[in-house]
Structures are given as C-alpha cells and as structure tokens.
Amino acid sequence: MATNFVSYNDVSGDPQRVVRDRLKAASQKRFEPLLAAHVVDYAKLFGRFELILGSSAGSLRAALPTDQRIALNDLRADPGLAALLAQYGRYLLICCSRPGTQPANLQGLWNREDSPIWGSKYTININAQMNYWAAEAVGLEDCVEPLIGMVRDLSQTGEAAARDHWNARGWCAHHNTDLWRAVGPIDRARSGYWPTGGAWLCAHLFDRWRYNRDAGYLASIWPVLKGAAQFFLDTLVVDPRHGYLVTCPSLSPENKTPLGTALCAGPYMDTEIIRDLFLNVAAATEALGIENEFRDQINARLAKLPPFKIGKAGQLQEWLDDWDLEAPDIHHRHISHLYAVYPSSQISPEKTPKLAAAAVRTLVLRGDARPRGAAEEVGGDFGLRYGAATASERDTTGWGLAWRACLWARLGDAERSFESLARLTGPARLQPNMFALHPPFQIDANFGAVAAVVEMLVRNTTNGVELLPCLPKGFASGSVKGLRTFEDIVFDLTWSESRLTEVTVSARRETQTALRYAGQVLALSLPAGRRVTLGVGPSGRLVVKGTA
C-alpha cells in the first residue's frame, strides 16, 4: 500500500511503482526468511530493555489472559500488569515510529476511522510530547528519529507563521500539526491560539543531545533551536503591571480564565517552556563554541521572565493573576503549569521545596488525591465551596492519569504515583487489548505509563543519577535491565523489600557520573564499553564489586 506522498511539500511519488517494487522484492523471498528478518529487526529494539515488577511473574494473576487481569483492576495484587503495560508501550512505539516513517500521532497506526476524532493528528500542547517522554530511557532512541524529523520540517513551515501571524523572525508552531506540517492556529481560541508548541518540541531535540552528547548532532539541530529562540526574542512583550517579559496573546492550554476567555498574557506554562528553551539554547552555544552575542541576548531575556508565584490557596499559580480558585473548570484535565515539575525539572522537592509543595497543592486542588475530608485535603473556604473531588474528577483522562503518575513520582509521593497508575490500568481506562482510553482510544497514555514507571526507578539530575527515587510499596521487589540515562549510561538494577540489592552500570564512552541512593552520593568513573557492578553493603551503602 502506498500513496504519492514523498514529504510535506512533495506529492510527486508514484504509488503504483512503490507497491509493484515492494511486492516484487517480497515475492522473491520465502516466508520463513521474511519472518526471521522481522524477528531480528524487532528483537534488536525490544530486547534492549527488560522489566519485572513485584513477584507476579509466577503468580496466578500473571497466568491469566490480559483482558481478565485488566477487568480484575487490582494493581497491588498484580504489579506485573504495570510491567506488561510498559513493555506494551514500547511495542507500540517500535511498531509506529521508526526511521523513515512518521512519528506517533494520537492513535499511532491504529486509527480505524475515515474521519477520526481530532483528525488522528499531532496535538503538541502535550499529547505528541508524551508519546516520546520515555523513548530514550527505554532503549528506543531510534524511534525518536521521526519526531526529530518532524520538528525540522516544522522549523521550515513555521517561518511563515512567525512572519505572517506575529511579524517575527525564526519559527513557531501552535497547538496542532499534521502530515503537512501545518503550524497555524486552528480550532477554537481556547486551544488553537497557543504559540509555544514548537518550543516544547525543541526540548526533545535537546534531550537527544543530553543522552548521546554527539556534537555533530547538536550542530545539526542548532538552526532549529536558534529559530525557535529568535521567535520569542521578537514576540515577548513587557507586562506593564509587573515589568516581566511575557507572551501575549496566549493561553494556558485548553483552560479558561475567570474572565470567561482563554486568551491572556503570560500563562506560566509559556514562561516555563521558554525558560527551558533559552537555557538549552545558551547551553548549545557554549557546547558548540558559537554565537556568544546571541547567548548574551538570550541570557538578558531569561533574567526578565516572570518568577513563579504561589497563590492564596498555597497552589502554584497557572496565570500571572491568582485566578486558580475562580477558574470555571477547577478540575481541568490539563495541569499545564506543572510542566515545570515534569517533564521539566525547574521545580523539585530538593531544589525548590516551597514551589514543590505548591505543586502538590495544585494537584490536590485539581481533585487528584483521594479525599480525606474537605478540611484536611482541600481546606478553608475553597473546601466549603467545592468540597472533595468526585470519582470522575479524580480519574480524569487516560493521558491525564499518566501525567499525574509522572508528576507525583517527580514530587516524591510514590503511593500517589502508584495510585494514578493503578487507575490507568483498570477497565475504565484500558481496552481489553491494553489500548489506553482518553476516552476514546488515544495512544499517549500508553506511552505516558512507560514514563511514569521510569520516573519511579531512575531519575536524571543536573549532577548525576538517582536510583529508585520513588519506589512504591506495590513494586517492592523487581528488576530492570537496559535503563538508559543522560550521558548514554545504561543501568541494570535489582531490588527486594524496597531496597536496592545490585547495580550494573555501563557507558558507551568514557564518562563520570554520581550515583545517588538513600541519601548517599557515590562518584563513579566509567570506562568506555566496560561494566561496573555495585552491591549494597549492610549499612545500605553502595560498594563497587568489580569491573568487567
């Protein structure tokens, strides 16, 4: 099967010739060699990562058909279901996002409708990004190539949008794109007029460099990064009330303000994404040894971005104004301003404890915690007005639960992270074949679940790697092989009774890192291509056992 599509700006292909050539090539091979070649190709990717959670590998639950395990809806009794869901997410990405193909969209390759919901496109105010949150970490870096290719395309089509819509240099993309790399605002203003989607995608391009440290790759994406930054150099405006540089007009994705409109100035998600973009651009200029003057411009703008604000209910503010409690949809599924917590790391319990506490408060106020009564969980006048969250509010959408699982893990609450994942693995959010439900079927939650499990097991930090940073009681025993972190370091971990028992570390190139576990820090030098094995002594301290 083929069409005349060659690229977003070329439809000169000959689909009959493509199909004829493919059939001819396939017909010259017997079935057995074709199958063997397929298995080798697939296993090369799938076999890079192994995961066991809990002791359910030998339990009665693990022997049940998957649809029955989902229907029983008890992740504590069947923690292996989370491992199966994570591996299923990897399977889906291997199948629908390979070099030379398109990136994973809202339904991957599995849309069955002629006119699918949301066009089965790329919603880039979180959904397309979530598809790739875990890919680099779980051995699927090859599968990120289509996303990088799409962003390169968007940097070309986005130049016209920057020029025509914003009178700006560089490029931008709003909240949605498609096969043809459309970048303009579409649909209603509440979702469409959000100019920061392209900037968020740039974070994935820069993360690829964090993982591989390939200077040639960084140089190849530099024009994309620079163009995205140029757009905001030209379009940020001064908020006359505070003197900060803000986006305007913009919106906090798909949410409404108490003024009855979505459009506003300076929503915090924009500030957070632009801060990451500017920091990444500045780091790229330093790594490449280029563009000192441009870096100075970026740093000057960075200093004028709005600082975070904590609102009257102790929450992290979504807008420059303290509107959170008056917003029409107080349980809105998007928690856009918590981008700063995850996937970014601008806010963390270690670096910014007050802001992290405010982020926790935001999740509680949004109805994401099992209520322990209005006075305790919600508190004050807000609790009297709105009461505790209902079950439907707590359960949100499939991708919303996946994001909340990632957020709770990053904030250090292992049990709430586990609970969000458990709600995702029940029949209300999984079809019998494990397709995640928005509802309807939407593939991002499948990939977001992988990211949540990764965040529980290993965390990249600015100065090393934290092991088992947020392990829930439901995953008290288990093992993982092939978990990849920044600097192209790969970990194998085994743990029992919620305590690490053995670690094996390897790196493709000589590098240094710091391992953090249970309050200790171990500096480690890794020779290229060698495996360093560590054990855990009686006092709980990591001890190097040998190098092979």
Protein backbone atom coordinates (compact mmCIF):
# COMPACT_ATOMS: atom_id res chain seq x y z
CA MET A 1 0.00 0.00 0.00
CA ALA A 2 1.35 3.46 -0.87
CA THR A 3 0.32 7.00 -1.82
CA ASN A 4 2.00 9.75 -3.83
CA PHE A 5 3.27 11.36 -0.61
CA VAL A 6 7.03 11.97 -0.53
CA SER A 7 7.20 14.76 2.06
CA TYR A 8 5.04 17.57 3.40
CA ASN A 9 5.92 19.67 0.34
CA ASP A 10 6.28 16.93 -2.29
CA VAL A 11 3.48 14.71 -3.63
CA SER A 12 5.27 13.59 -6.77
CA GLY A 13 5.53 9.94 -5.69
CA ASP A 14 4.41 7.05 -7.86
CA PRO A 15 2.38 4.76 -5.58
CA GLN A 16 1.89 2.07 -8.23
CA ARG A 17 5.65 1.77 -8.71
CA VAL A 18 6.24 1.66 -4.95
CA VAL A 19 3.70 -1.13 -4.47
CA ARG A 20 4.96 -3.04 -7.51
CA ASP A 21 8.58 -2.87 -6.29
CA ARG A 22 7.65 -3.93 -2.77
CA LEU A 23 5.61 -6.90 -3.98
CA LYS A 24 8.39 -7.96 -6.32
CA ALA A 25 11.01 -7.80 -3.57
CA ALA A 26 8.79 -9.68 -1.11
CA SER A 27 7.76 -12.36 -3.60
CA GLN A 28 11.39 -13.32 -4.17
CA LYS A 29 11.75 -14.41 -0.53
CA ARG A 30 10.18 -17.34 1.23
CA PHE A 31 8.01 -16.78 4.29
CA GLU A 32 10.49 -18.25 6.79
CA PRO A 33 13.38 -15.85 5.92
CA LEU A 34 10.95 -12.89 5.93
CA LEU A 35 9.71 -13.85 9.38
CA ALA A 36 13.25 -14.40 10.67
CA ALA A 37 14.34 -11.00 9.35
CA HIS A 38 11.33 -9.38 11.01
CA VAL A 39 12.09 -11.04 14.35
CA VAL A 40 15.74 -9.96 14.23
CA ASP A 41 14.74 -6.40 13.38
CA TYR A 42 12.12 -6.23 16.12
CA ALA A 43 14.17 -8.01 18.80
CA LYS A 44 17.12 -5.67 18.20
CA LEU A 45 14.98 -2.89 19.70
CA PHE A 46 12.65 -4.74 22.04
CA GLY A 47 15.43 -6.78 23.65
CA ARG A 48 17.31 -3.72 24.91
CA PHE A 49 15.07 -3.40 27.96
CA GLU A 50 13.68 -5.89 30.46
CA LEU A 51 11.39 -5.16 33.39
CA ILE A 52 9.97 -7.20 36.27
CA LEU A 53 7.76 -5.53 38.88
CA GLY A 54 6.68 -7.35 42.01
CA SER A 55 6.62 -11.10 42.31
CA SER A 56 3.67 -11.62 39.99
CA ALA A 57 5.81 -13.24 37.28
CA GLY A 58 4.98 -16.57 38.89
CA SER A 59 1.58 -15.69 40.32
CA LEU A 60 -1.84 -16.87 39.26
CA ARG A 61 -2.69 -13.37 38.02
CA ALA A 62 0.22 -13.36 35.56
CA ALA A 63 -1.09 -16.59 34.02
CA LEU A 64 -4.48 -15.05 33.25
CA PRO A 65 -5.31 -13.55 29.86
CA THR A 66 -4.59 -9.83 29.78
CA ASP A 67 -8.24 -8.79 29.45
CA GLN A 68 -9.07 -10.65 32.67
CA ARG A 69 -6.18 -9.00 34.52
CA ILE A 70 -7.45 -5.59 33.42
CA ALA A 71 -11.02 -6.46 34.46
CA LEU A 72 -9.87 -7.51 37.95
CA ASN A 73 -8.49 -3.98 38.33
CA ASP A 74 -6.08 -4.60 41.23
CA LEU A 75 -2.54 -3.47 40.51
CA ARG A 76 -1.42 -4.18 44.10
CA ALA A 77 -2.26 -7.84 43.65
CA ASP A 78 -0.87 -7.87 40.11
CA PRO A 79 2.08 -5.42 39.85
CA GLY A 80 3.33 -7.35 36.84
CA LEU A 81 0.49 -5.78 34.87
CA ALA A 82 2.32 -2.43 35.09
CA ALA A 83 5.45 -4.06 33.67
CA LEU A 84 3.37 -5.58 30.87
CA LEU A 85 1.82 -2.18 30.15
CA ALA A 86 5.26 -0.59 29.98
CA GLN A 87 6.54 -3.22 27.57
CA TYR A 88 3.34 -2.89 25.54
CA GLY A 89 4.02 0.84 25.25
CA ARG A 90 7.49 0.05 23.92
CA TYR A 91 5.96 -2.42 21.46
CA LEU A 92 3.58 0.24 20.16
CA LEU A 93 6.35 2.78 19.62
CA ILE A 94 8.54 0.23 17.84
CA CYS A 95 5.64 -0.53 15.52
CA CYS A 96 4.57 3.03 14.71
CA SER A 97 7.67 5.24 14.89
CA ARG A 98 10.74 4.03 13.04
CA PRO A 99 13.37 5.88 11.00
CA GLY A 100 11.83 6.77 7.65
CA THR A 101 8.25 6.82 8.95
CA GLN A 102 6.04 9.48 10.50
CA PRO A 103 6.08 10.00 14.29
CA ALA A 104 3.40 8.52 16.53
CA ASN A 105 0.20 10.57 16.37
CA LEU A 106 -2.91 10.48 18.56
CA GLN A 107 -3.76 6.89 17.58
CA GLY A 108 -0.44 5.74 16.18
CA LEU A 109 -1.01 3.40 13.23
CA TRP A 110 -4.19 2.02 14.76
CA ASN A 111 -6.78 4.60 13.78
CA ARG A 112 -9.61 2.76 12.02
CA GLU A 113 -11.85 5.71 11.08
CA ASP A 114 -12.10 7.60 7.79
CA SER A 115 -12.77 10.75 9.82
CA PRO A 116 -11.07 10.07 13.16
CA ILE A 117 -11.57 12.06 16.30
CA TRP A 118 -9.19 15.05 16.45
CA GLY A 119 -8.07 14.07 12.97
CA SER A 120 -5.68 11.49 14.45
CA LYS A 121 -3.13 14.29 14.22
CA TYR A 122 -0.39 15.66 16.46
CA THR A 123 -1.63 17.73 19.38
CA ILE A 124 1.55 19.44 20.53
CA ASN A 125 0.34 21.02 23.75
CA ILE A 126 1.21 17.72 25.49
CA ASN A 127 -0.01 14.63 23.63
CA ALA A 128 2.67 14.25 20.95
CA GLN A 129 5.36 15.08 23.51
CA MET A 130 4.08 12.45 25.95
CA ASN A 131 4.43 9.84 23.23
CA TYR A 132 8.22 10.26 23.45
CA TRP A 133 8.86 11.06 27.11
CA ALA A 134 10.34 7.64 27.87
CA ALA A 135 11.71 6.59 24.47
CA GLU A 136 15.37 7.50 25.06
CA ALA A 137 15.35 5.90 28.52
CA VAL A 138 13.95 2.50 27.48
CA GLY A 139 16.27 1.76 24.58
CA LEU A 140 14.14 3.22 21.79
CA GLU A 141 16.28 6.15 20.74
CA ASP A 142 15.93 5.01 17.11
CA CYS A 143 12.18 5.55 17.41
CA VAL A 144 12.66 9.24 18.24
CA GLU A 145 14.08 9.93 14.77
CA PRO A 146 10.66 10.59 13.14
CA LEU A 147 9.83 13.17 15.82
CA ILE A 148 13.14 14.96 15.25
CA GLY A 149 12.46 14.93 11.52
CA MET A 150 9.00 16.42 12.05
CA VAL A 151 10.42 19.25 14.16
CA ARG A 152 12.96 20.01 11.44
CA ASP A 153 10.04 20.26 8.99
CA LEU A 154 8.07 22.47 11.36
CA SER A 155 11.02 24.84 11.64
CA GLN A 156 10.58 25.42 7.89
CA THR A 157 6.79 25.72 7.69
CA GLY A 158 6.80 27.65 10.94
CA GLU A 159 8.79 30.53 9.44
CA ALA A 160 5.71 31.73 7.54
CA ALA A 161 3.56 31.51 10.68
CA ALA A 162 6.10 33.54 12.65
CA ARG A 163 6.27 36.15 9.90
CA ASP A 164 2.59 36.37 8.96
CA HIS A 165 0.91 35.91 12.34
CA TRP A 166 3.48 37.53 14.61
CA ASN A 167 5.74 39.71 12.45
CA ALA A 168 8.71 37.83 13.89
CA ARG A 169 11.89 36.10 12.86
CA GLY A 170 12.52 32.42 13.44
CA TRP A 171 9.66 29.94 13.52
CA CYS A 172 6.76 28.82 15.68
CA ALA A 173 4.09 26.15 15.81
CA HIS A 174 0.79 26.45 17.62
CA HIS A 175 -1.07 23.64 19.38
CA ASN A 176 -1.58 21.22 16.49
CA THR A 177 0.10 19.87 13.38
CA ASP A 178 -0.33 17.08 10.83
CA LEU A 179 1.29 15.24 7.94
CA TRP A 180 1.55 18.52 6.04
CA ARG A 181 3.33 20.27 8.94
CA ALA A 182 0.61 22.87 9.41
CA VAL A 183 1.57 25.27 12.19
CA GLY A 184 -1.11 27.99 12.29
CA PRO A 185 -3.75 28.34 14.99
CA ILE A 186 -6.76 26.10 14.29
CA ASP A 187 -9.98 25.13 16.05
CA ARG A 188 -11.24 27.35 18.84
CA ALA A 189 -9.15 30.04 20.50
CA ARG A 190 -9.31 28.08 23.77
CA SER A 191 -6.89 25.55 22.30
CA GLY A 192 -5.59 26.90 19.00
CA TYR A 193 -4.03 30.25 19.75
CA TRP A 194 -1.11 28.91 21.74
CA PRO A 195 2.26 29.74 20.14
CA THR A 196 4.54 27.57 22.27
CA GLY A 197 4.08 24.07 20.83
CA GLY A 198 7.21 24.24 18.68
CA ALA A 199 9.30 25.46 21.61
CA TRP A 200 8.19 22.48 23.70
CA LEU A 201 9.14 20.08 20.90
CA CYS A 202 12.62 21.62 20.89
CA ALA A 203 13.11 20.20 24.39
CA HIS A 204 13.01 16.70 22.86
CA LEU A 205 15.69 17.66 20.35
CA PHE A 206 17.94 18.96 23.10
CA ASP A 207 17.27 15.93 25.32
CA ARG A 208 18.58 13.73 22.50
CA TRP A 209 21.89 15.58 22.86
CA ARG A 210 21.82 15.14 26.65
CA TYR A 211 21.58 11.40 26.09
CA ASN A 212 24.16 10.99 23.31
CA ARG A 213 26.48 14.04 23.67
CA ASP A 214 27.07 13.94 19.91
CA ALA A 215 28.46 17.33 18.88
CA GLY A 216 27.64 16.67 15.23
CA TYR A 217 24.01 16.07 16.08
CA LEU A 218 23.89 19.22 18.23
CA ALA A 219 25.31 21.28 15.36
CA SER A 220 22.67 19.85 13.02
CA ILE A 221 19.77 20.93 15.25
CA TRP A 222 21.27 24.32 16.11
CA PRO A 223 19.38 26.21 13.36
CA VAL A 224 16.12 24.75 14.69
CA LEU A 225 16.88 25.77 18.27
CA LYS A 226 18.07 29.22 17.26
CA GLY A 227 15.00 29.87 15.12
CA ALA A 228 12.67 28.90 17.96
CA ALA A 229 14.51 31.28 20.30
CA GLN A 230 14.52 34.11 17.76
CA PHE A 231 10.75 33.94 17.60
CA PHE A 232 10.43 34.67 21.31
CA LEU A 233 13.15 37.30 21.26
CA ASP A 234 10.88 39.17 18.85
CA THR A 235 7.47 38.43 20.37
CA LEU A 236 7.84 38.64 24.14
CA VAL A 237 6.32 41.88 25.42
CA VAL A 238 6.56 43.78 28.69
CA ASP A 239 3.70 43.25 31.12
CA PRO A 240 3.01 46.87 32.18
CA ARG A 241 1.89 45.86 35.67
CA HIS A 242 4.99 43.91 36.67
CA GLY A 243 7.65 44.64 34.06
CA TYR A 244 8.12 40.96 33.18
CA LEU A 245 8.56 39.68 29.64
CA VAL A 246 5.53 37.57 28.69
CA THR A 247 3.77 36.00 25.73
CA CYS A 248 0.67 37.85 24.56
CA PRO A 249 -1.81 36.82 23.37
CA SER A 250 -1.57 33.24 24.55
CA LEU A 251 -3.44 30.79 26.79
CA SER A 252 -2.93 28.05 29.33
CA PRO A 253 -3.70 25.06 27.12
CA GLU A 254 -7.40 24.38 26.79
CA ASN A 255 -8.33 26.05 30.09
CA LYS A 256 -10.43 29.15 30.69
CA THR A 257 -9.79 32.09 32.99
CA PRO A 258 -12.44 33.52 35.34
CA LEU A 259 -12.92 36.29 32.77
CA GLY A 260 -14.74 33.81 30.54
CA THR A 261 -11.99 33.66 27.91
CA ALA A 262 -8.92 31.54 27.37
CA LEU A 263 -6.76 34.28 25.88
CA CYS A 264 -4.47 36.00 28.36
CA ALA A 265 -0.97 37.38 28.84
CA GLY A 266 1.89 35.35 30.27
CA PRO A 267 0.41 31.95 31.25
CA TYR A 268 3.01 30.18 33.34
CA MET A 269 3.38 27.19 31.04
CA ASP A 270 4.67 29.54 28.35
CA THR A 271 7.21 31.07 30.72
CA GLU A 272 8.41 27.62 31.81
CA ILE A 273 8.78 26.29 28.26
CA ILE A 274 10.56 29.45 27.10
CA ARG A 275 12.88 29.29 30.11
CA ASP A 276 13.90 25.75 29.14
CA LEU A 277 14.29 26.77 25.51
CA PHE A 278 16.52 29.73 26.37
CA LEU A 279 18.61 27.69 28.82
CA ASN A 280 19.05 24.92 26.25
CA VAL A 281 19.98 27.40 23.52
CA ALA A 282 22.55 29.06 25.78
CA ALA A 283 23.99 25.64 26.68
CA ALA A 284 24.16 24.69 22.99
CA THR A 285 26.14 27.84 22.12
CA GLU A 286 28.62 27.03 24.87
CA ALA A 287 28.95 23.38 23.86
CA LEU A 288 29.49 24.32 20.22
CA GLY A 289 31.61 27.38 20.98
CA ILE A 290 29.48 29.68 18.82
CA GLU A 291 27.14 32.68 18.88
CA ASN A 292 28.40 34.48 22.00
CA GLU A 293 26.39 37.61 21.20
CA PHE A 294 23.21 35.61 20.66
CA ARG A 295 23.80 33.88 24.00
CA ASP A 296 24.05 37.29 25.68
CA GLN A 297 20.69 38.26 24.21
CA ILE A 298 19.14 35.05 25.46
CA ASN A 299 20.54 35.44 28.97
CA ALA A 300 19.28 39.03 29.14
CA ARG A 301 15.75 37.87 28.30
CA LEU A 302 15.98 34.99 30.75
CA ALA A 303 16.53 37.42 33.60
CA LYS A 304 13.28 39.21 32.75
CA LEU A 305 10.94 36.21 32.68
CA PRO A 306 8.34 36.11 35.48
CA PRO A 307 9.28 34.22 38.65
CA PHE A 308 6.96 31.51 39.91
CA LYS A 309 4.10 32.62 42.15
CA ILE A 310 2.28 30.82 44.95
CA GLY A 311 -1.41 31.71 45.18
CA LYS A 312 -3.77 32.34 48.07
CA ALA A 313 -4.62 28.66 48.49
CA GLY A 314 -0.94 27.71 48.57
CA GLN A 315 -1.08 26.49 44.98
CA LEU A 316 1.35 27.09 42.15
CA GLN A 317 -0.29 29.75 40.00
CA GLU A 318 -1.36 28.85 36.49
CA TRP A 319 -1.59 32.50 35.44
CA LEU A 320 0.13 35.74 36.42
CA ASP A 321 -3.06 36.61 38.29
CA ASP A 322 -4.21 34.43 41.16
CA TRP A 323 -7.17 33.02 39.24
CA ASP A 324 -6.93 29.30 40.01
CA LEU A 325 -9.75 29.12 42.53
CA GLU A 326 -12.12 31.16 40.38
CA ALA A 327 -11.49 29.37 37.08
CA PRO A 328 -14.67 27.83 35.60
CA ASP A 329 -13.17 24.32 35.44
CA ILE A 330 -11.27 23.86 38.69
CA HIS A 331 -10.62 20.18 37.90
CA HIS A 332 -9.36 20.81 34.38
CA ARG A 333 -7.56 17.77 32.93
CA HIS A 334 -4.60 19.87 31.74
CA ILE A 335 -2.26 20.89 34.54
CA SER A 336 -0.14 22.86 32.14
CA HIS A 337 1.86 24.95 34.60
CA LEU A 338 3.17 21.76 36.24
CA TYR A 339 5.32 21.33 33.15
CA ALA A 340 7.93 22.91 35.43
CA VAL A 341 7.82 19.77 37.60
CA TYR A 342 7.58 17.16 34.83
CA PRO A 343 8.79 16.78 32.12
CA SER A 344 10.95 19.78 33.04
CA SER A 345 12.88 19.89 36.31
CA GLN A 346 12.66 23.58 37.16
CA ILE A 347 10.76 22.65 40.33
CA SER A 348 11.73 19.76 42.61
CA PRO A 349 11.47 18.95 46.33
CA GLU A 350 15.27 19.09 46.61
CA LYS A 351 15.96 22.37 44.78
CA THR A 352 12.75 24.33 45.37
CA PRO A 353 10.85 22.78 48.29
CA LYS A 354 8.31 25.62 48.67
CA LEU A 355 7.43 25.54 44.98
CA ALA A 356 7.25 21.73 45.07
CA ALA A 357 4.81 21.96 47.97
CA ALA A 358 2.76 24.43 45.94
CA ALA A 359 2.74 21.96 43.04
CA VAL A 360 1.43 19.26 45.38
CA ARG A 361 -1.26 21.69 46.49
CA THR A 362 -2.22 22.27 42.86
CA LEU A 363 -2.67 18.54 42.28
CA VAL A 364 -4.83 18.25 45.40
CA LEU A 365 -6.98 21.23 44.47
CA ARG A 366 -7.43 19.82 40.97
CA GLY A 367 -9.05 16.78 42.55
CA ASP A 368 -6.18 14.38 42.01
CA ALA A 369 -5.90 13.00 45.55
CA ARG A 370 -8.20 10.58 47.34
CA PRO A 371 -10.05 13.00 49.63
CA ARG A 372 -9.56 12.73 53.37
CA GLY A 373 -12.27 15.30 54.02
CA ALA A 374 -12.59 18.88 52.87
CA ALA A 375 -10.88 20.42 55.89
CA GLU A 376 -7.81 18.19 55.69
CA GLU A 377 -7.39 17.65 51.96
CA VAL A 378 -8.81 20.78 50.39
CA GLY A 379 -9.14 23.18 53.27
CA GLY A 380 -10.57 26.55 54.05
CA ASP A 381 -13.20 28.40 52.07
CA PHE A 382 -12.24 26.53 48.91
CA GLY A 383 -13.18 23.25 50.55
CA LEU A 384 -16.50 24.63 51.70
CA ARG A 385 -17.30 25.93 48.22
CA TYR A 386 -16.21 22.95 46.16
CA GLY A 387 -15.89 20.05 48.57
CA ALA A 388 -13.91 16.89 47.86
CA ALA A 389 -13.19 15.57 44.41
CA THR A 390 -15.65 13.13 42.90
CA ALA A 391 -14.50 9.83 41.42
CA SER A 392 -14.91 11.11 37.87
CA GLU A 393 -12.83 14.19 38.65
CA ARG A 394 -10.11 12.09 40.21
CA ASP A 395 -9.99 9.71 37.26
CA THR A 396 -9.61 12.45 34.58
CA THR A 397 -8.49 11.30 31.10
CA GLY A 398 -6.12 8.44 30.30
CA TRP A 399 -3.22 10.70 29.42
CA GLY A 400 -4.15 12.92 32.37
CA LEU A 401 -3.66 9.98 34.74
CA ALA A 402 -0.33 9.11 33.10
CA TRP A 403 0.88 12.70 33.53
CA ARG A 404 -0.26 12.73 37.16
CA ALA A 405 1.63 9.49 37.80
CA CYS A 406 4.77 11.15 36.44
CA LEU A 407 4.16 14.31 38.48
CA TRP A 408 3.60 12.50 41.78
CA ALA A 409 6.74 10.43 41.19
CA ARG A 410 8.82 13.53 40.46
CA LEU A 411 7.39 15.16 43.61
CA GLY A 412 8.41 12.15 45.70
CA ASP A 413 4.98 10.70 46.51
CA ALA A 414 5.39 7.08 45.47
CA GLU A 415 1.97 5.91 46.66
CA ARG A 416 0.01 8.62 44.86
CA SER A 417 2.03 7.93 41.73
CA PHE A 418 1.18 4.23 42.05
CA GLU A 419 -2.49 5.08 42.61
CA SER A 420 -2.63 7.15 39.41
CA LEU A 421 -1.03 4.28 37.51
CA ALA A 422 -3.44 1.81 39.11
CA ARG A 423 -6.43 3.87 37.97
CA LEU A 424 -4.96 3.88 34.48
CA THR A 425 -4.67 0.06 34.39
CA GLY A 426 -8.35 -0.63 35.12
CA PRO A 427 -11.15 -1.29 32.60
CA ALA A 428 -12.28 2.35 32.66
CA ARG A 429 -9.00 3.42 31.05
CA LEU A 430 -7.71 0.32 29.21
CA GLN A 431 -9.39 -1.65 26.46
CA PRO A 432 -9.03 -5.43 26.70
CA ASN A 433 -6.05 -5.29 24.30
CA MET A 434 -4.38 -2.61 26.53
CA PHE A 435 -5.12 0.33 24.22
CA ALA A 436 -5.43 3.34 26.52
CA LEU A 437 -8.70 5.25 26.57
CA HIS A 438 -8.93 9.03 26.61
CA PRO A 439 -11.78 8.03 26.08
CA PRO A 440 -11.96 7.05 23.17
CA PHE A 441 -8.71 5.26 22.27
CA GLN A 442 -5.75 7.62 22.36
CA ILE A 443 -2.23 6.21 22.42
CA ASP A 444 -0.46 8.86 24.54
CA ALA A 445 -1.44 7.27 27.88
CA ASN A 446 0.22 4.02 26.79
CA PHE A 447 3.47 5.91 26.38
CA GLY A 448 2.95 8.09 29.44
CA ALA A 449 2.63 4.97 31.58
CA VAL A 450 6.12 3.92 30.49
CA ALA A 451 7.46 7.32 31.54
CA ALA A 452 5.83 7.02 34.97
CA VAL A 453 7.47 3.66 35.65
CA VAL A 454 10.84 5.02 34.51
CA GLU A 455 10.49 8.00 36.86
CA MET A 456 9.93 5.66 39.79
CA LEU A 457 13.12 3.70 39.04
CA VAL A 458 15.74 6.19 37.83
CA ARG A 459 15.91 9.98 37.71
CA ASN A 460 18.29 12.16 35.73
CA THR A 461 19.56 15.10 37.78
CA THR A 462 21.82 18.03 36.92
CA ASN A 463 24.74 16.30 38.62
CA GLY A 464 24.18 12.58 38.33
CA VAL A 465 21.58 9.84 38.55
CA GLU A 466 19.25 8.96 41.42
CA LEU A 467 18.40 5.27 41.82
CA LEU A 468 14.95 4.12 42.95
CA PRO A 469 13.94 7.71 43.74
CA CYS A 470 10.23 6.98 44.20
CA LEU A 471 9.57 3.25 44.53
CA PRO A 472 6.00 2.45 45.66
CA LYS A 473 5.21 -0.39 48.04
CA GLY A 474 3.40 -2.19 45.23
CA PHE A 475 6.71 -2.57 43.39
CA ALA A 476 8.72 -3.57 46.47
CA SER A 477 10.66 -6.18 44.54
CA GLY A 478 11.76 -6.29 40.93
CA SER A 479 14.48 -5.75 38.39
CA VAL A 480 15.17 -3.73 35.27
CA LYS A 481 17.81 -4.12 32.58
CA GLY A 482 18.78 -1.55 29.96
CA LEU A 483 17.50 1.62 31.63
CA ARG A 484 19.32 4.50 29.91
CA THR A 485 20.11 7.92 31.36
CA PHE A 486 21.83 11.12 30.27
CA GLU A 487 25.44 10.73 29.09
CA ASP A 488 24.48 7.43 27.41
CA ILE A 489 24.80 5.47 30.66
CA VAL A 490 22.87 2.19 30.97
CA PHE A 491 21.75 0.66 34.28
CA ASP A 492 20.64 -2.78 35.37
CA LEU A 493 19.00 -2.71 38.81
CA THR A 494 17.72 -5.39 41.18
CA TRP A 495 15.84 -4.63 44.38
CA SER A 496 13.99 -6.54 47.10
CA GLU A 497 11.85 -5.41 50.03
CA SER A 498 12.07 -1.86 48.63
CA ARG A 499 15.88 -1.85 48.94
CA LEU A 500 18.43 -1.90 46.15
CA THR A 501 20.45 -5.15 46.05
CA GLU A 502 22.67 -4.86 42.95
CA VAL A 503 23.53 -2.32 40.26
CA THR A 504 25.39 -2.78 37.00
CA VAL A 505 26.45 0.35 35.11
CA SER A 506 27.96 0.74 31.64
CA ALA A 507 28.64 3.57 29.21
CA ARG A 508 29.46 3.62 25.51
CA ARG A 509 32.11 6.28 26.04
CA GLU A 510 34.34 7.14 28.97
CA THR A 511 32.43 9.35 31.36
CA GLN A 512 31.91 10.27 35.01
CA THR A 513 28.69 10.35 36.96
CA ALA A 514 27.42 10.49 40.52
CA LEU A 515 25.04 7.83 41.79
CA ARG A 516 22.54 8.93 44.44
CA TYR A 517 20.76 6.41 46.58
CA ALA A 518 19.20 6.57 50.04
CA GLY A 519 20.87 9.85 50.95
CA GLN A 520 24.35 8.91 49.78
CA VAL A 521 26.35 10.03 46.75
CA LEU A 522 28.93 7.85 45.01
CA ALA A 523 31.22 9.37 42.37
CA LEU A 524 31.86 6.88 39.61
CA SER A 525 34.26 6.83 36.65
CA LEU A 526 33.02 4.65 33.81
CA PRO A 527 35.46 3.30 31.20
CA ALA A 528 34.08 3.02 27.69
CA GLY A 529 32.37 -0.30 26.98
CA ARG A 530 33.04 -1.78 30.44
CA ARG A 531 30.50 -2.89 33.02
CA VAL A 532 30.87 -1.79 36.63
CA THR A 533 28.98 -3.86 39.22
CA LEU A 534 27.99 -2.48 42.58
CA GLY A 535 26.44 -4.10 45.60
CA VAL A 536 24.78 -2.70 48.69
CA GLY A 537 26.57 -3.22 51.99
CA PRO A 538 24.96 -3.95 55.36
CA SER A 539 24.77 -0.23 56.11
CA GLY A 540 22.93 0.37 52.86
CA ARG A 541 25.92 1.99 51.15
CA LEU A 542 26.81 1.33 47.51
CA VAL A 543 30.05 -0.61 47.12
CA VAL A 544 31.94 -1.27 43.86
CA LYS A 545 32.32 -5.02 43.43
CA GLY A 546 34.17 -5.16 40.13
CA THR A 547 34.61 -4.09 36.51
CA ALA A 548 34.32 -6.38 33.51
